[in-house]
Amino acid sequence: MKRTWRAALSAFGWRHEGAANAALLGLPAVWFLALYLAAIGALLVTAFWTVDDLSGNLIPGFSFSNFQQLLGDPIYRTIAVRTIFIAAAVTVTDAVLAWPFAYAMVRLAGPKLRAVLMALVLVPLWSSYLARVYAWRLILAHDGVLNWALNALGLPDMQIGYSNWAMWIVFSYLWLPFMILPLAAAVERIPPSLLEASADLGERGMATFRRVILPMALPGMVAGAIFTFSLTLGDFVTPMLVGGKGSDFIGNVVYANVGVTNNIPFAAAYAVLPLGVMAVFLLLARKLGAFDAL
């Protein structure tokens, strides 16, 4: 009887593929809606609440005071611009660094060298995030390894420790694998016959890259940009560890208002900004076909 029931269910799923897929994805979809979207909804609702100045209690309601404070205070505007600008700079930097590495790994390296290059990409991801950030902090500090090496060569110090430059370097290192992997996958899917056809038509070097490789691998690069941009946009640990005065990110302000001043509505309102930025970014990425490379 048990086997008959399973056989009937299997036959039903084979005849009704849509129903089988719905049953398979139903539980994860409910989990996603209940946790992720509910949390986003709670965030949006809380952003319009206020805090009682005397008691510190939350006052449910509908007020634009938090958003008016964000737009009216130049400090918060500067922090938002800094966060978005460094996230964009990290994305561009990782794209530039990832292209030669991904292309060499997929198109030029043999099987053994490809395995070594892939290991070089993946091994840093197995180590602790904090360990990697602290390692760069020791390298870029005023009395760190970088300045020690420069002084040994008779060169002056580079005053980049605890600055926006340090955050740019560290973020670019941290998220580089997330750009290399989707880009390498996109380059690997390019048929070699197209490159041969380009060569037969007289195209060489940069012309082939510009007209054949780059357009076909663009979705993979944009998919990597989704990771690098979003991960930088939402980070607050790296600015705390390697950033200096005037290096706060949106995440640092959110963290301070949640854990220190207990102004949760203001933190929620500020957290809406990166959500909006990422929504626009994802819409552009979708038009460029990035989701096909994920």
Protein backbone atom coordinates (compact mmCIF):
# COMPACT_ATOMS: atom_id res chain seq x y z
CA MET A 1 0.00 0.00 0.00
CA LYS A 2 2.84 2.34 0.89
CA ARG A 3 4.61 1.70 -2.40
CA THR A 4 1.34 2.21 -4.30
CA TRP A 5 0.84 5.61 -2.65
CA ARG A 6 4.37 6.69 -3.48
CA ALA A 7 4.05 5.43 -7.05
CA ALA A 8 0.77 7.31 -7.51
CA LEU A 9 2.33 10.49 -6.12
CA SER A 10 5.35 10.09 -8.37
CA ALA A 11 3.13 9.53 -11.40
CA PHE A 12 1.07 12.61 -10.54
CA GLY A 13 4.23 14.71 -10.27
CA TRP A 14 5.48 13.38 -13.60
CA ARG A 15 2.20 14.24 -15.34
CA HIS A 16 1.83 17.65 -13.65
CA GLU A 17 5.29 19.19 -13.64
CA GLY A 18 4.04 22.59 -12.47
CA ALA A 19 2.33 21.12 -9.39
CA ALA A 20 5.45 19.12 -8.54
CA ASN A 21 7.63 22.22 -8.74
CA ALA A 22 5.16 24.17 -6.63
CA ALA A 23 5.16 21.48 -3.95
CA LEU A 24 8.96 21.32 -4.00
CA LEU A 25 9.40 25.09 -3.68
CA GLY A 26 6.42 25.72 -1.42
CA LEU A 27 8.14 25.29 1.94
CA PRO A 28 11.24 27.37 1.05
CA ALA A 29 8.95 30.05 -0.36
CA VAL A 30 6.92 30.18 2.84
CA TRP A 31 10.13 30.33 4.87
CA PHE A 32 11.40 33.17 2.68
CA LEU A 33 8.16 35.13 2.96
CA ALA A 34 7.82 34.60 6.69
CA LEU A 35 11.37 35.58 7.62
CA TYR A 36 12.95 37.79 4.98
CA LEU A 37 10.02 39.76 3.61
CA ALA A 38 8.41 40.04 7.05
CA ALA A 39 11.65 41.48 8.42
CA ILE A 40 11.83 43.98 5.56
CA GLY A 41 8.23 44.95 6.19
CA ALA A 42 8.90 45.45 9.90
CA LEU A 43 11.91 47.60 9.02
CA LEU A 44 9.85 49.83 6.73
CA VAL A 45 7.08 50.20 9.31
CA THR A 46 9.50 50.98 12.15
CA ALA A 47 11.19 53.67 10.06
CA PHE A 48 8.09 55.84 10.51
CA TRP A 49 7.93 55.44 14.29
CA THR A 50 9.41 57.86 16.79
CA VAL A 51 11.06 57.69 20.21
CA ASP A 52 9.83 59.50 23.31
CA ASP A 53 12.56 61.93 24.40
CA LEU A 54 11.88 61.47 28.13
CA SER A 55 11.18 57.75 28.53
CA GLY A 56 12.98 56.43 25.44
CA ASN A 57 9.97 54.28 24.58
CA LEU A 58 8.98 53.60 20.99
CA ILE A 59 5.91 55.48 19.76
CA PRO A 60 4.15 53.65 16.91
CA GLY A 61 2.68 55.91 14.28
CA PHE A 62 3.40 57.50 10.94
CA SER A 63 5.94 60.31 10.90
CA PHE A 64 8.53 61.52 8.41
CA SER A 65 10.70 63.04 11.14
CA ASN A 66 13.42 60.40 10.81
CA PHE A 67 13.71 60.92 7.06
CA GLN A 68 13.63 64.71 7.51
CA GLN A 69 16.53 64.40 9.94
CA LEU A 70 18.48 62.26 7.47
CA LEU A 71 17.92 64.67 4.59
CA GLY A 72 18.44 67.81 6.65
CA ASP A 73 21.67 66.84 8.43
CA PRO A 74 24.76 67.22 6.19
CA ILE A 75 26.66 64.69 8.30
CA TYR A 76 24.28 61.87 7.40
CA ARG A 77 24.27 62.91 3.75
CA THR A 78 28.08 62.83 3.72
CA ILE A 79 28.12 59.36 5.27
CA ALA A 80 25.64 58.09 2.67
CA VAL A 81 27.66 59.54 -0.22
CA ARG A 82 30.88 58.10 1.21
CA THR A 83 29.35 54.64 1.55
CA ILE A 84 27.93 54.58 -1.98
CA PHE A 85 31.10 56.05 -3.52
CA ILE A 86 33.47 53.57 -1.85
CA ALA A 87 31.12 50.67 -2.72
CA ALA A 88 31.21 51.79 -6.37
CA ALA A 89 35.01 52.25 -6.27
CA VAL A 90 35.48 48.77 -4.84
CA THR A 91 33.24 47.30 -7.53
CA VAL A 92 35.18 48.96 -10.35
CA THR A 93 38.52 47.98 -8.79
CA ASP A 94 37.52 44.35 -8.40
CA ALA A 95 36.23 44.24 -11.98
CA VAL A 96 39.57 45.53 -13.29
CA LEU A 97 41.55 43.09 -11.16
CA ALA A 98 39.27 40.12 -11.85
CA TRP A 99 39.34 40.27 -15.65
CA PRO A 100 42.97 39.18 -16.28
CA PHE A 101 42.84 36.61 -13.48
CA ALA A 102 39.54 35.08 -14.63
CA TYR A 103 40.53 35.03 -18.29
CA ALA A 104 43.93 33.47 -17.59
CA MET A 105 42.37 30.86 -15.31
CA VAL A 106 39.73 29.81 -17.85
CA ARG A 107 41.37 30.32 -21.24
CA LEU A 108 45.14 30.16 -20.75
CA ALA A 109 45.91 27.90 -17.77
CA GLY A 110 46.19 24.14 -18.03
CA PRO A 111 44.23 21.80 -15.75
CA LYS A 112 46.83 21.78 -12.94
CA LEU A 113 47.47 25.53 -13.03
CA ARG A 114 43.73 26.16 -13.18
CA ALA A 115 43.27 24.14 -10.00
CA VAL A 116 46.01 26.17 -8.32
CA LEU A 117 44.46 29.46 -9.40
CA MET A 118 41.03 28.33 -8.23
CA ALA A 119 42.53 27.41 -4.86
CA LEU A 120 44.09 30.87 -4.61
CA VAL A 121 40.61 32.33 -5.07
CA LEU A 122 38.80 30.02 -2.66
CA VAL A 123 41.30 29.59 0.18
CA PRO A 124 40.90 33.18 1.52
CA LEU A 125 37.16 32.55 1.79
CA TRP A 126 37.85 29.67 4.18
CA SER A 127 39.64 31.91 6.67
CA SER A 128 37.96 34.20 9.16
CA TYR A 129 36.70 37.54 7.90
CA LEU A 130 38.06 39.26 11.01
CA ALA A 131 41.44 37.57 10.64
CA ARG A 132 41.81 38.94 7.12
CA VAL A 133 40.75 42.45 8.16
CA TYR A 134 43.15 42.45 11.12
CA ALA A 135 45.95 41.22 8.84
CA TRP A 136 45.43 44.21 6.57
CA ARG A 137 45.24 46.47 9.61
CA LEU A 138 48.72 45.30 10.62
CA ILE A 139 49.95 45.86 7.06
CA LEU A 140 48.51 49.36 6.55
CA ALA A 141 48.98 50.78 10.06
CA HIS A 142 51.31 53.76 10.50
CA ASP A 143 53.91 51.46 12.07
CA GLY A 144 52.84 48.45 10.01
CA VAL A 145 54.50 46.16 7.53
CA LEU A 146 53.99 48.46 4.51
CA ASN A 147 55.74 51.47 6.04
CA TRP A 148 58.46 49.23 7.50
CA ALA A 149 59.21 47.87 4.03
CA LEU A 150 59.21 51.36 2.50
CA ASN A 151 61.57 52.67 5.16
CA ALA A 152 63.89 49.72 4.58
CA LEU A 153 64.10 50.83 0.93
CA GLY A 154 64.76 54.43 1.93
CA LEU A 155 61.27 55.60 0.91
CA PRO A 156 58.91 57.77 3.00
CA ASP A 157 55.87 56.43 4.80
CA MET A 158 52.53 56.07 3.06
CA GLN A 159 49.94 57.59 5.35
CA ILE A 160 47.03 55.42 4.26
CA GLY A 161 46.38 53.55 7.50
CA TYR A 162 43.04 54.26 9.20
CA SER A 163 41.64 56.19 6.25
CA ASN A 164 39.20 55.85 3.40
CA TRP A 165 42.10 54.62 1.24
CA ALA A 166 42.66 51.76 3.68
CA MET A 167 38.99 50.81 3.54
CA TRP A 168 39.07 50.83 -0.27
CA ILE A 169 42.09 48.50 -0.32
CA VAL A 170 40.70 46.12 2.29
CA PHE A 171 37.23 45.95 0.75
CA SER A 172 38.72 45.33 -2.70
CA TYR A 173 40.72 42.41 -1.29
CA LEU A 174 37.84 40.95 0.70
CA TRP A 175 35.30 40.84 -2.12
CA LEU A 176 37.60 40.11 -5.09
CA PRO A 177 36.74 36.36 -5.13
CA PHE A 178 33.06 37.24 -5.46
CA MET A 179 33.89 39.05 -8.69
CA ILE A 180 36.32 36.48 -10.07
CA LEU A 181 34.05 33.44 -9.76
CA PRO A 182 30.97 34.65 -11.73
CA LEU A 183 33.20 36.38 -14.26
CA ALA A 184 35.24 33.21 -14.82
CA ALA A 185 32.02 31.23 -15.26
CA ALA A 186 30.79 33.73 -17.85
CA VAL A 187 34.08 33.67 -19.78
CA GLU A 188 34.09 29.87 -19.74
CA ARG A 189 30.66 29.79 -21.41
CA ILE A 190 31.91 31.77 -24.42
CA PRO A 191 32.25 29.30 -27.33
CA PRO A 192 35.87 29.09 -28.55
CA SER A 193 34.53 29.09 -32.10
CA LEU A 194 33.54 32.74 -31.71
CA LEU A 195 37.10 33.67 -30.77
CA GLU A 196 38.38 31.70 -33.74
CA ALA A 197 35.89 33.42 -36.02
CA SER A 198 37.01 36.80 -34.72
CA ALA A 199 40.63 35.87 -35.46
CA ASP A 200 39.68 34.68 -38.97
CA LEU A 201 38.05 38.06 -39.61
CA GLY A 202 41.29 39.83 -38.72
CA GLU A 203 40.46 40.96 -35.18
CA ARG A 204 43.27 40.75 -32.68
CA GLY A 205 43.85 41.37 -29.00
CA MET A 206 41.81 44.22 -27.57
CA ALA A 207 39.45 44.32 -30.54
CA THR A 208 38.33 40.74 -29.89
CA PHE A 209 38.03 41.46 -26.20
CA ARG A 210 35.99 44.61 -26.79
CA ARG A 211 33.66 43.24 -29.45
CA VAL A 212 33.27 39.57 -28.50
CA ILE A 213 34.45 38.67 -25.00
CA LEU A 214 33.31 41.72 -23.05
CA PRO A 215 29.69 41.82 -24.34
CA MET A 216 29.20 38.10 -23.77
CA ALA A 217 30.79 38.09 -20.31
CA LEU A 218 29.11 41.32 -19.20
CA PRO A 219 26.29 39.51 -17.33
CA GLY A 220 28.90 37.65 -15.27
CA MET A 221 30.71 40.86 -14.45
CA VAL A 222 27.47 42.56 -13.41
CA ALA A 223 26.59 39.51 -11.29
CA GLY A 224 29.93 39.89 -9.51
CA ALA A 225 29.23 43.60 -9.11
CA ILE A 226 26.03 42.75 -7.26
CA PHE A 227 28.08 40.92 -4.64
CA THR A 228 30.90 43.45 -4.31
CA PHE A 229 28.61 46.47 -4.24
CA SER A 230 26.05 45.06 -1.81
CA LEU A 231 28.63 43.55 0.56
CA THR A 232 30.52 46.85 0.76
CA LEU A 233 27.33 48.87 1.09
CA GLY A 234 26.14 46.92 4.12
CA ASP A 235 29.44 46.44 5.94
CA PHE A 236 30.21 48.18 9.23
CA VAL A 237 33.01 46.05 10.72
CA THR A 238 35.78 47.02 8.30
CA PRO A 239 35.20 50.78 8.75
CA MET A 240 35.43 50.24 12.51
CA LEU A 241 38.72 48.35 12.27
CA VAL A 242 40.66 50.00 9.44
CA GLY A 243 38.83 53.30 8.96
CA GLY A 244 39.78 56.44 10.83
CA LYS A 245 38.05 59.65 11.76
CA GLY A 246 35.44 60.51 9.19
CA SER A 247 35.24 56.96 7.82
CA ASP A 248 31.82 55.94 9.12
CA PHE A 249 29.52 53.97 6.85
CA ILE A 250 25.74 53.75 6.89
CA GLY A 251 26.07 50.49 8.82
CA ASN A 252 28.06 52.21 11.57
CA VAL A 253 25.32 54.78 12.08
CA VAL A 254 22.67 52.04 12.15
CA TYR A 255 24.73 50.02 14.64
CA ALA A 256 25.25 53.04 16.91
CA ASN A 257 21.57 53.96 16.93
CA VAL A 258 20.50 50.39 17.69
CA GLY A 259 23.08 49.46 20.30
CA VAL A 260 24.09 52.77 21.86
CA THR A 261 21.36 55.42 21.64
CA ASN A 262 18.51 52.89 21.25
CA ASN A 263 16.92 54.98 18.50
CA ILE A 264 15.62 52.05 16.49
CA PRO A 265 13.24 54.07 14.25
CA PHE A 266 16.07 56.33 13.08
CA ALA A 267 18.29 53.30 12.47
CA ALA A 268 15.50 51.69 10.45
CA ALA A 269 15.02 54.86 8.40
CA TYR A 270 18.74 55.03 7.59
CA ALA A 271 18.78 51.32 6.73
CA VAL A 272 16.10 51.95 4.10
CA LEU A 273 18.63 53.96 2.06
CA PRO A 274 20.92 51.04 1.11
CA LEU A 275 17.83 48.95 0.38
CA GLY A 276 16.67 51.56 -2.09
CA VAL A 277 20.12 51.86 -3.64
CA MET A 278 20.35 48.08 -4.06
CA ALA A 279 16.86 47.94 -5.56
CA VAL A 280 17.91 50.39 -8.28
CA PHE A 281 21.18 48.52 -8.77
CA LEU A 282 19.39 45.18 -9.14
CA LEU A 283 16.96 46.62 -11.68
CA LEU A 284 19.88 47.81 -13.79
CA ALA A 285 21.62 44.45 -13.35
CA ARG A 286 18.50 42.63 -14.50
CA LYS A 287 18.37 44.68 -17.69
CA LEU A 288 22.00 43.71 -18.34
CA GLY A 289 21.20 40.01 -17.90
CA ALA A 290 23.19 39.56 -14.69
CA PHE A 291 20.76 37.08 -13.18
CA ASP A 292 21.44 34.68 -16.04
CA ALA A 293 25.03 34.35 -14.76
CA LEU A 294 24.20 33.69 -11.11
